[in-house]
Protein backbone atom coordinates (compact mmCIF):
# COMPACT_ATOMS: atom_id res chain seq x y z
CA CYS A 1 0.00 0.00 0.00
CA ARG A 2 2.92 2.37 0.71
CA LEU A 3 4.27 1.71 -2.81
CA ILE A 4 0.88 2.60 -4.27
CA GLY A 5 0.93 5.82 -2.23
CA TYR A 6 4.37 6.67 -3.57
CA PHE A 7 3.18 5.97 -7.10
CA ILE A 8 0.08 8.15 -6.79
CA ALA A 9 2.32 10.98 -5.56
CA GLU A 10 5.50 10.55 -7.58
CA GLY A 11 4.89 7.83 -10.12
CA SER A 12 4.40 7.60 -13.84
CA TYR A 13 4.26 4.89 -16.45
CA LYS A 14 7.18 4.47 -18.78
CA GLY A 15 6.05 2.85 -21.98
CA GLU A 16 3.85 -0.20 -21.61
CA ASN A 17 5.83 -2.26 -19.10
CA ALA A 18 7.67 0.00 -16.68
CA LEU A 19 7.03 2.29 -13.73
CA ASN A 20 8.98 5.36 -12.72
CA PHE A 21 9.09 7.06 -9.31
CA SER A 22 10.60 10.57 -9.23
CA PHE A 23 11.97 12.16 -6.05
CA ASN A 24 14.18 15.05 -5.08
CA SER A 25 17.71 13.65 -5.05
CA GLU A 26 18.03 14.48 -1.35
CA GLU A 27 15.11 12.19 -0.45
CA LYS A 28 17.35 9.15 -0.28
CA GLN A 29 15.29 7.40 2.41
CA TYR A 30 12.22 7.42 0.12
CA LEU A 31 14.25 6.26 -2.87
CA ASN A 32 15.62 3.40 -0.76
CA ASP A 33 12.17 2.60 0.60
CA VAL A 34 10.72 2.26 -2.91
CA GLN A 35 13.63 0.06 -4.01
CA ASN A 36 13.30 -2.11 -0.89
CA ILE A 37 9.55 -2.59 -1.38
CA LEU A 38 10.08 -3.52 -5.02
CA LYS A 39 12.78 -6.05 -4.08
CA ASN A 40 11.30 -7.50 -0.88
CA GLU A 41 7.60 -7.59 -1.79
CA PHE A 42 7.76 -8.20 -5.54
CA GLY A 43 11.24 -9.66 -6.10
CA LEU A 44 12.01 -6.91 -8.60
CA ASN A 45 15.28 -5.12 -9.21
CA SER A 46 15.13 -1.43 -10.01
CA ALA A 47 17.54 1.14 -11.35
CA LEU A 48 18.31 4.67 -10.18
CA ARG A 49 18.62 7.38 -12.82
CA ILE A 50 19.76 10.87 -11.85
CA SER A 51 18.51 13.86 -13.85
CA LYS A 52 20.98 16.02 -15.76
CA ASN A 53 20.84 18.84 -13.22
CA LYS A 54 21.13 16.22 -10.42
CA SER A 55 18.13 17.59 -8.52
CA CYS A 56 15.85 14.65 -9.29
CA THR A 57 16.44 10.92 -8.97
CA HIS A 58 14.19 8.33 -10.60
CA VAL A 59 13.58 4.76 -9.49
CA GLU A 60 12.77 2.78 -12.63
CA VAL A 61 11.42 -0.75 -12.65
CA ASN A 62 10.68 -2.83 -15.72
CA SER A 63 7.86 -5.22 -14.99
CA SER A 64 4.88 -5.94 -17.19
CA SER A 65 3.18 -7.62 -14.21
CA LEU A 66 3.54 -4.56 -11.97
CA PHE A 67 2.47 -2.32 -14.86
CA LEU A 68 -0.63 -4.50 -15.32
CA LEU A 69 -1.38 -4.39 -11.57
CA PHE A 70 -1.13 -0.61 -11.31
CA ASN A 71 -2.68 0.30 -14.65
CA GLU A 72 -5.35 -2.33 -15.26
CA ILE A 73 -6.22 -3.90 -11.91
CA LEU A 74 -5.87 -0.86 -9.63
CA GLY A 75 -6.98 1.49 -12.44
CA ILE A 76 -4.33 4.15 -11.81
CA LYS A 77 -4.47 6.40 -14.86
CA ARG A 78 -1.71 8.35 -16.55
CA GLY A 79 -1.33 12.05 -15.79
CA ALA A 80 -1.45 13.86 -12.45
CA ILE A 81 -4.89 15.32 -13.12
CA ASN A 82 -6.34 11.81 -13.54
CA LYS A 83 -4.90 10.16 -10.44
CA ARG A 84 -7.24 8.84 -7.75
CA ILE A 85 -6.84 6.55 -4.78
CA PRO A 86 -7.70 3.02 -5.99
CA LYS A 87 -11.07 1.88 -4.64
CA ILE A 88 -9.58 -1.25 -3.12
CA ILE A 89 -7.49 0.88 -0.72
CA PHE A 90 -10.68 2.35 0.80
CA ASN A 91 -11.89 -1.16 1.60
CA THR A 92 -8.76 -2.47 3.28
CA LEU A 93 -7.56 -2.56 6.87
CA ASP A 94 -6.79 0.75 8.59
CA GLU A 95 -3.10 -0.17 8.83
CA ASN A 96 -3.00 -0.48 5.03
CA LYS A 97 -4.75 2.89 4.62
CA ILE A 98 -2.16 4.45 6.93
CA SER A 99 0.64 2.82 4.94
CA PHE A 100 -0.83 4.23 1.72
CA LEU A 101 -1.13 7.72 3.24
CA CYS A 102 2.45 7.48 4.51
CA GLY A 103 3.74 6.88 0.96
CA TYR A 104 1.46 9.51 -0.53
CA PHE A 105 2.33 12.25 1.97
CA ARG A 106 6.05 11.46 1.69
CA GLY A 107 5.75 12.07 -2.05
CA ASP A 108 3.26 14.91 -2.37
CA GLY A 109 3.30 16.31 1.13
CA CYS A 110 5.25 18.89 3.03
CA LEU A 111 5.41 19.70 6.74
CA HIS A 112 4.89 23.29 7.90
CA ASN A 113 3.82 24.54 11.34
CA ASN A 114 3.07 21.01 12.63
CA ARG A 115 0.71 20.35 9.71
CA TYR A 116 1.16 18.10 6.74
CA THR A 117 -0.16 19.52 3.51
CA CYS A 118 -0.43 17.64 0.24
CA ALA A 119 -1.14 19.32 -3.06
CA SER A 120 -2.40 18.17 -6.44
CA ILE A 121 -3.98 19.52 -9.59
CA SER A 122 -6.55 16.72 -9.17
CA SER A 123 -9.46 17.88 -7.02
CA LEU A 124 -10.77 14.29 -6.98
CA LEU A 125 -7.50 12.95 -5.58
CA ILE A 126 -7.52 15.54 -2.79
CA SER A 127 -11.15 14.66 -2.08
CA ASP A 128 -10.12 10.98 -1.88
CA VAL A 129 -7.32 11.83 0.56
CA SER A 130 -9.74 13.84 2.71
CA TYR A 131 -12.26 10.97 2.75
CA MET A 132 -9.61 8.39 3.66
CA CYS A 133 -8.35 10.56 6.50
CA ALA A 134 -11.93 10.94 7.75
CA GLN A 135 -12.29 7.13 7.67
CA LEU A 136 -9.30 7.00 10.00
CA GLY A 137 -10.57 9.77 12.29
CA LEU A 138 -7.87 12.22 11.18
CA ARG A 139 -8.79 15.90 11.08
CA GLY A 140 -7.97 18.10 8.13
CA SER A 141 -9.33 20.56 5.60
CA ILE A 142 -9.40 21.05 1.84
CA LEU A 143 -8.08 24.29 0.36
CA GLN A 144 -7.89 25.63 -3.18
CA GLU A 145 -5.36 28.05 -4.63
CA GLN A 146 -4.78 29.56 -8.03
CA GLY A 147 -1.29 28.63 -9.21
CA LYS A 148 0.97 31.32 -10.66
CA GLU A 149 4.00 29.48 -12.02
CA LYS A 150 5.18 28.40 -8.60
CA ILE A 151 5.79 25.18 -6.75
CA ILE A 152 3.35 24.28 -4.00
CA CYS A 153 4.76 21.40 -1.96
CA SER A 154 6.14 19.32 -4.83
CA VAL A 155 3.52 20.29 -7.42
CA LYS A 156 4.81 22.53 -10.20
CA THR A 157 2.06 24.58 -11.76
CA LYS A 158 1.42 27.17 -14.44
CA SER A 159 -1.81 29.03 -13.67
CA LYS A 160 -3.85 25.95 -12.79
CA ASN A 161 -5.97 25.43 -9.76
CA ILE A 162 -4.11 23.65 -7.00
CA PHE A 163 -6.04 21.65 -4.47
CA LYS A 164 -4.58 20.99 -1.05
CA PHE A 165 -5.45 18.90 1.92
CA ARG A 166 -4.06 20.05 5.23
CA LEU A 167 -3.77 17.36 7.88
CA TYR A 168 -3.46 18.48 11.49
CA TYR A 169 -1.10 17.03 14.09
CA VAL A 170 0.02 13.82 12.42
CA SER A 171 3.54 12.72 11.58
CA PHE A 172 4.59 10.21 8.93
């Protein structure tokens, strides 16, 4: 579930049989966590690729089975605007929901004034996050901002609406 959270936040499909997870190069613990999950839970090796300006590191894994799981079975669509929490995650144990949220907030969240905030251009994804937190009894609120070519948390935007969910007093 944590890997799915990472993918919703930082993942993309590469072709028709590979997944890519993109993190700030300084987020080594998250890069390692993704690689460890891929190896320990799925028996898959992955490769690290560093961007030209060295600010971003990608974990790439070639696996048609994992691609099929994420794309077809879980129904995770391409493009940030289309991402949603897979329905199966809502119907799992609370510990799995927390694991998912941990991965998601590590990818798309930031901590400021004792509050975690996640941001997305997908209003439906933020609504999903809010609903899942409510299922777990976690307090938070949804906010909307107009982007002006700035980065909000890890979401780069050019004059699009940015939707945020602010979670109070929780640490991941």
